[in-house]
Amino acid sequence: MKRYHTYILASDFNGTLYIGVTGDLPSRIKAHKEHAVKGFTDKYNVTKLVYLEVFETFRQAVEREKQLKKWKRSWKCSLIEQLNPQWEDLAEKDGYFL
């Protein structure tokens, strides 16, 4: 079963944030970390995966992305800290992408 992700990247603890959506999280995170695509995340070095949600459909993931992008920064930070209080890079955790 295909899964879709809405995710938040950060440049550092309480740093610059980026919200995205993907159907291939490992490849997308790798592209961000390798600065493979020039743009916002490359320019501001936003490469740490600090939050994510999983959905069954792409439409659900996109709707959540749109919702989060409208939120105040403080709300986004609180959301991250509920799951990941230290703003650790979740992509570096053992077994994360299993």
Protein backbone atom coordinates (compact mmCIF):
# COMPACT_ATOMS: atom_id res chain seq x y z
CA MET A 1 0.00 0.00 0.00
CA LYS A 2 1.42 3.37 -1.03
CA ARG A 3 1.77 5.96 1.71
CA TYR A 4 2.01 9.72 1.39
CA HIS A 5 3.72 12.08 3.78
CA THR A 6 3.32 15.66 4.83
CA TYR A 7 6.57 16.70 6.45
CA ILE A 8 8.34 19.62 8.07
CA LEU A 9 12.03 20.30 7.62
CA ALA A 10 14.07 22.73 9.72
CA SER A 11 17.46 24.32 9.33
CA ASP A 12 18.19 23.79 13.02
CA PHE A 13 16.47 23.87 16.41
CA ASN A 14 13.74 26.52 16.12
CA GLY A 15 15.19 27.51 12.74
CA THR A 16 13.81 28.13 9.28
CA LEU A 17 10.90 25.79 8.42
CA TYR A 18 9.75 24.16 5.19
CA ILE A 19 6.56 22.15 4.74
CA GLY A 20 6.27 19.63 1.93
CA VAL A 21 4.40 16.58 0.69
CA THR A 22 5.66 13.46 -1.06
CA GLY A 23 4.84 9.90 -2.04
CA ASP A 24 8.50 8.83 -1.69
CA LEU A 25 9.83 10.17 1.59
CA PRO A 26 13.31 8.57 1.52
CA SER A 27 14.07 9.96 -1.95
CA ARG A 28 12.67 13.38 -1.15
CA ILE A 29 14.65 13.71 2.08
CA LYS A 30 17.80 12.54 0.32
CA ALA A 31 17.28 15.20 -2.36
CA HIS A 32 16.91 17.90 0.32
CA LYS A 33 20.01 16.72 2.19
CA GLU A 34 22.10 16.59 -0.98
CA HIS A 35 20.83 20.00 -2.14
CA ALA A 36 19.83 18.31 -5.40
CA VAL A 37 17.09 20.83 -6.14
CA LYS A 38 17.96 24.50 -6.06
CA GLY A 39 15.45 26.61 -4.20
CA PHE A 40 14.31 27.53 -0.71
CA THR A 41 15.61 24.48 1.18
CA ASP A 42 18.96 24.66 -0.59
CA LYS A 43 19.35 28.41 -0.07
CA TYR A 44 18.53 28.27 3.65
CA ASN A 45 20.05 24.81 4.35
CA VAL A 46 16.72 23.40 5.52
CA THR A 47 17.52 19.68 5.64
CA LYS A 48 16.49 18.25 9.03
CA LEU A 49 13.31 16.18 9.04
CA VAL A 50 11.68 17.25 12.30
CA TYR A 51 8.03 16.24 11.80
CA LEU A 52 5.87 14.11 9.56
CA GLU A 53 2.40 12.67 9.14
CA VAL A 54 1.39 9.66 7.05
CA PHE A 55 -1.71 9.50 4.84
CA GLU A 56 -3.40 6.91 2.64
CA THR A 57 -4.06 9.30 -0.24
CA PHE A 58 -2.08 12.06 -1.89
CA ARG A 59 -5.10 14.34 -1.62
CA GLN A 60 -5.16 13.98 2.18
CA ALA A 61 -1.44 14.76 2.39
CA VAL A 62 -1.80 17.86 0.19
CA GLU A 63 -4.77 19.12 2.20
CA ARG A 64 -2.76 18.79 5.41
CA GLU A 65 0.20 20.56 3.81
CA LYS A 66 -2.05 23.47 2.82
CA GLN A 67 -3.52 23.60 6.32
CA LEU A 68 -0.11 23.67 8.01
CA LYS A 69 1.21 26.35 5.67
CA LYS A 70 -1.59 28.66 6.90
CA TRP A 71 -0.67 28.14 10.56
CA LYS A 72 1.24 30.65 12.66
CA ARG A 73 4.89 29.77 13.20
CA SER A 74 4.31 29.26 16.94
CA TRP A 75 1.65 26.62 16.18
CA LYS A 76 4.02 24.78 13.85
CA CYS A 77 6.78 24.82 16.46
CA SER A 78 4.39 23.46 19.10
CA LEU A 79 3.32 20.69 16.73
CA ILE A 80 6.95 19.72 16.12
CA GLU A 81 7.76 19.76 19.82
CA GLN A 82 4.86 17.43 20.68
CA LEU A 83 6.51 14.68 18.62
CA ASN A 84 10.12 15.79 18.62
CA PRO A 85 10.96 18.12 21.54
CA GLN A 86 14.68 18.22 20.73
CA TRP A 87 14.13 18.86 17.01
CA GLU A 88 16.24 15.81 16.17
CA ASP A 89 16.66 14.79 12.54
CA LEU A 90 14.15 11.93 12.31
CA ALA A 91 15.72 10.75 9.04
CA GLU A 92 18.88 9.84 10.93
CA LYS A 93 17.13 7.57 13.42
CA ASP A 94 17.79 3.83 12.99
CA GLY A 95 15.01 2.06 11.14
CA TYR A 96 13.12 5.25 10.48
CA PHE A 97 12.34 4.54 6.85
CA LEU A 98 11.24 0.94 7.39
